C-alpha cells in the first residue's frame, strides 16, 4: 500500500519532492517505493529524464489501476469505520437507574453512535443476573 500510495502521489504531483512532503516521508523512501514497484511489475513507470516527472505509457496505465485500488481502499476504510459504529446493545439495570440516571448517558452515547440501537431493561436483581 505504501508503495502504491507513493507512486500515486508522485504521478499526480509530478515530483518526488512534493510527494515526499505530502506523505511526510523522505525523498529516498518515495523513490525506493517507486523502484520496488518497477521491479515487481517489470515496467518503467516514469521518464526519469524530464522535470517535472512524466509517466511512461506503462506508468499511465498503471496509474489508472492504482487509482481504482486506492479509491477502493479508502471506501473500505470508511465502511469499516462506519461498521464499528453500528449494531445493538442491551443495557440492564435497576428501575431507578433506568428511569433517573441512564437517560443522560444514553443520549450522549447516541449522539456519537447514531446507528447503534440501544435496548434498556429495567429489572430487579435476579432477572438481571
Protein backbone atom coordinates (compact mmCIF):
# COMPACT_ATOMS: atom_id res chain seq x y z
CA UNK A 1 0.00 0.00 0.00
CA UNK A 2 2.80 2.43 0.83
CA UNK A 3 4.47 1.80 -2.49
CA UNK A 4 1.23 2.32 -4.41
CA UNK A 5 0.47 5.47 -2.42
CA UNK A 6 3.95 6.87 -3.10
CA UNK A 7 3.63 6.15 -6.82
CA UNK A 8 0.17 7.74 -6.92
CA UNK A 9 1.37 10.97 -5.33
CA UNK A 10 4.48 11.23 -7.50
CA UNK A 11 2.32 10.70 -10.59
CA UNK A 12 -0.30 13.26 -9.52
CA UNK A 13 2.12 15.89 -8.26
CA UNK A 14 4.81 15.36 -10.91
CA UNK A 15 7.54 15.45 -8.28
CA UNK A 16 9.19 13.09 -5.86
CA UNK A 17 9.92 16.03 -3.58
CA UNK A 18 6.27 17.16 -3.46
CA UNK A 19 5.06 13.59 -2.96
CA UNK A 20 7.53 13.04 -0.12
CA UNK A 21 6.44 16.27 1.53
CA UNK A 22 2.74 15.37 1.15
CA UNK A 23 3.29 11.88 2.57
CA UNK A 24 5.73 13.11 5.22
CA UNK A 25 8.39 10.71 4.00
CA UNK A 26 11.93 11.16 2.81
CA UNK A 27 12.56 11.51 -0.90
CA UNK A 28 14.73 8.40 -0.85
CA UNK A 29 11.86 6.42 0.67
CA UNK A 30 9.43 7.56 -2.01
CA UNK A 31 11.97 6.82 -4.74
CA UNK A 32 12.58 3.39 -3.23
CA UNK A 33 8.84 2.66 -3.25
CA UNK A 34 8.60 3.53 -6.94
CA UNK A 35 11.68 1.47 -7.81
CA UNK A 36 10.26 -1.54 -5.96
CA UNK A 37 7.04 -1.27 -7.96
CA UNK A 38 9.01 -1.05 -11.21
CA UNK A 39 10.96 -4.15 -10.21
CA UNK A 40 7.86 -6.04 -9.06
CA UNK A 41 5.95 -5.39 -12.29
CA UNK A 42 8.98 -5.28 -14.63
CA UNK A 43 7.98 -1.92 -16.07
CA UNK A 44 9.27 1.65 -16.14
CA UNK A 45 6.74 3.99 -14.56
CA UNK A 46 8.41 7.38 -15.09
CA UNK A 47 10.58 9.02 -17.70
CA UNK A 48 13.32 9.98 -15.28
CA UNK A 49 14.98 12.43 -17.68
CA UNK A 50 12.22 15.03 -17.66
CA UNK A 51 11.30 17.53 -14.98
CA UNK A 52 8.56 17.60 -13.85
CA UNK A 53 8.42 13.81 -13.66
CA UNK A 54 6.36 12.37 -16.52
CA UNK A 55 4.64 9.00 -16.66
CA UNK A 56 5.58 6.49 -19.31
CA UNK A 57 2.73 4.82 -21.20
CA UNK A 58 3.04 1.86 -18.83
CA UNK A 59 3.00 4.33 -15.95
CA UNK A 60 -0.23 5.91 -17.23
CA UNK A 61 -1.90 2.52 -17.45
CA UNK A 62 -0.57 1.60 -14.01
CA UNK A 63 -1.91 4.86 -12.55
CA UNK A 64 -5.44 4.02 -13.71
CA UNK A 65 -5.38 0.73 -11.80
CA UNK A 66 -3.66 2.20 -8.75
CA UNK A 67 -6.27 4.95 -8.59
CA UNK A 68 -9.02 2.31 -8.56
CA UNK A 69 -7.22 0.33 -5.85
CA UNK A 70 -6.61 3.33 -3.61
CA UNK A 71 -10.15 4.61 -4.08
CA UNK A 72 -11.47 1.17 -3.15
CA UNK A 73 -9.22 1.01 -0.09
CA UNK A 74 -10.45 4.45 1.05
CA UNK A 75 -14.04 3.29 0.62
CA UNK A 76 -13.25 0.12 2.58
CA UNK A 77 -11.70 2.12 5.42
CA UNK A 78 -14.72 4.40 5.54
CA UNK A 79 -17.07 1.42 5.58
CA UNK A 80 -15.14 -0.31 8.36
CA UNK A 81 -15.13 2.84 10.48
CA UNK A 82 -18.88 3.10 9.95
CA UNK A 83 -19.38 -0.61 10.68
CA UNK A 84 -17.76 -0.12 14.08
CA UNK A 85 -20.46 2.38 14.91
CA UNK A 86 -23.44 0.15 14.06
CA UNK A 87 -25.12 -2.67 15.89
CA UNK A 88 -27.15 -3.03 19.01
CA UNK A 89 -26.58 -3.33 22.73
CA UNK A 90 -28.74 -4.25 25.67
CA UNK A 91 -28.35 -2.36 28.93
CA UNK A 92 -29.92 -3.85 32.02
CA UNK A 93 -30.21 -2.00 35.32
CA UNK A 94 -32.46 -1.39 38.29
CA UNK A 95 -35.62 0.55 37.53
CA UNK A 96 -34.40 3.61 39.42
CA UNK A 97 -31.19 3.75 37.38
CA UNK A 98 -33.02 3.31 34.07
CA UNK A 99 -35.55 5.98 34.96
CA UNK A 100 -33.33 8.64 36.54
CA UNK A 101 -29.63 8.15 35.82
CA UNK A 102 -29.11 6.38 32.50
CA UNK A 103 -31.01 8.69 30.11
CA UNK A 104 -28.26 11.37 30.08
CA UNK A 105 -25.50 8.85 29.41
CA UNK A 106 -27.58 7.03 26.81
CA UNK A 107 -28.26 10.30 24.99
CA UNK A 108 -24.55 11.18 24.92
CA UNK A 109 -23.80 7.73 23.54
CA UNK A 110 -26.49 8.10 20.84
CA UNK A 111 -25.07 11.47 19.80
CA UNK A 112 -21.78 9.76 18.93
CA UNK A 113 -23.05 6.35 17.77
CA UNK A 114 -26.19 7.26 15.87
CA UNK A 115 -26.63 3.85 14.22
CA UNK A 116 -26.37 1.75 17.38
CA UNK A 117 -29.68 0.52 18.72
CA UNK A 118 -29.98 0.51 22.50
CA UNK A 119 -32.44 -1.63 24.40
CA UNK A 120 -32.94 -0.80 28.07
CA UNK A 121 -34.11 -3.41 30.52
CA UNK A 122 -35.44 -2.21 33.86
CA UNK A 123 -35.43 -5.26 36.12
CA UNK A 124 -34.78 -6.31 39.68
CA UNK A 125 -31.54 -8.05 40.68
CA UNK A 126 -32.34 -11.74 39.96
CA UNK A 127 -33.79 -11.24 36.44
CA UNK A 128 -30.79 -9.08 35.54
CA UNK A 129 -28.31 -11.71 36.64
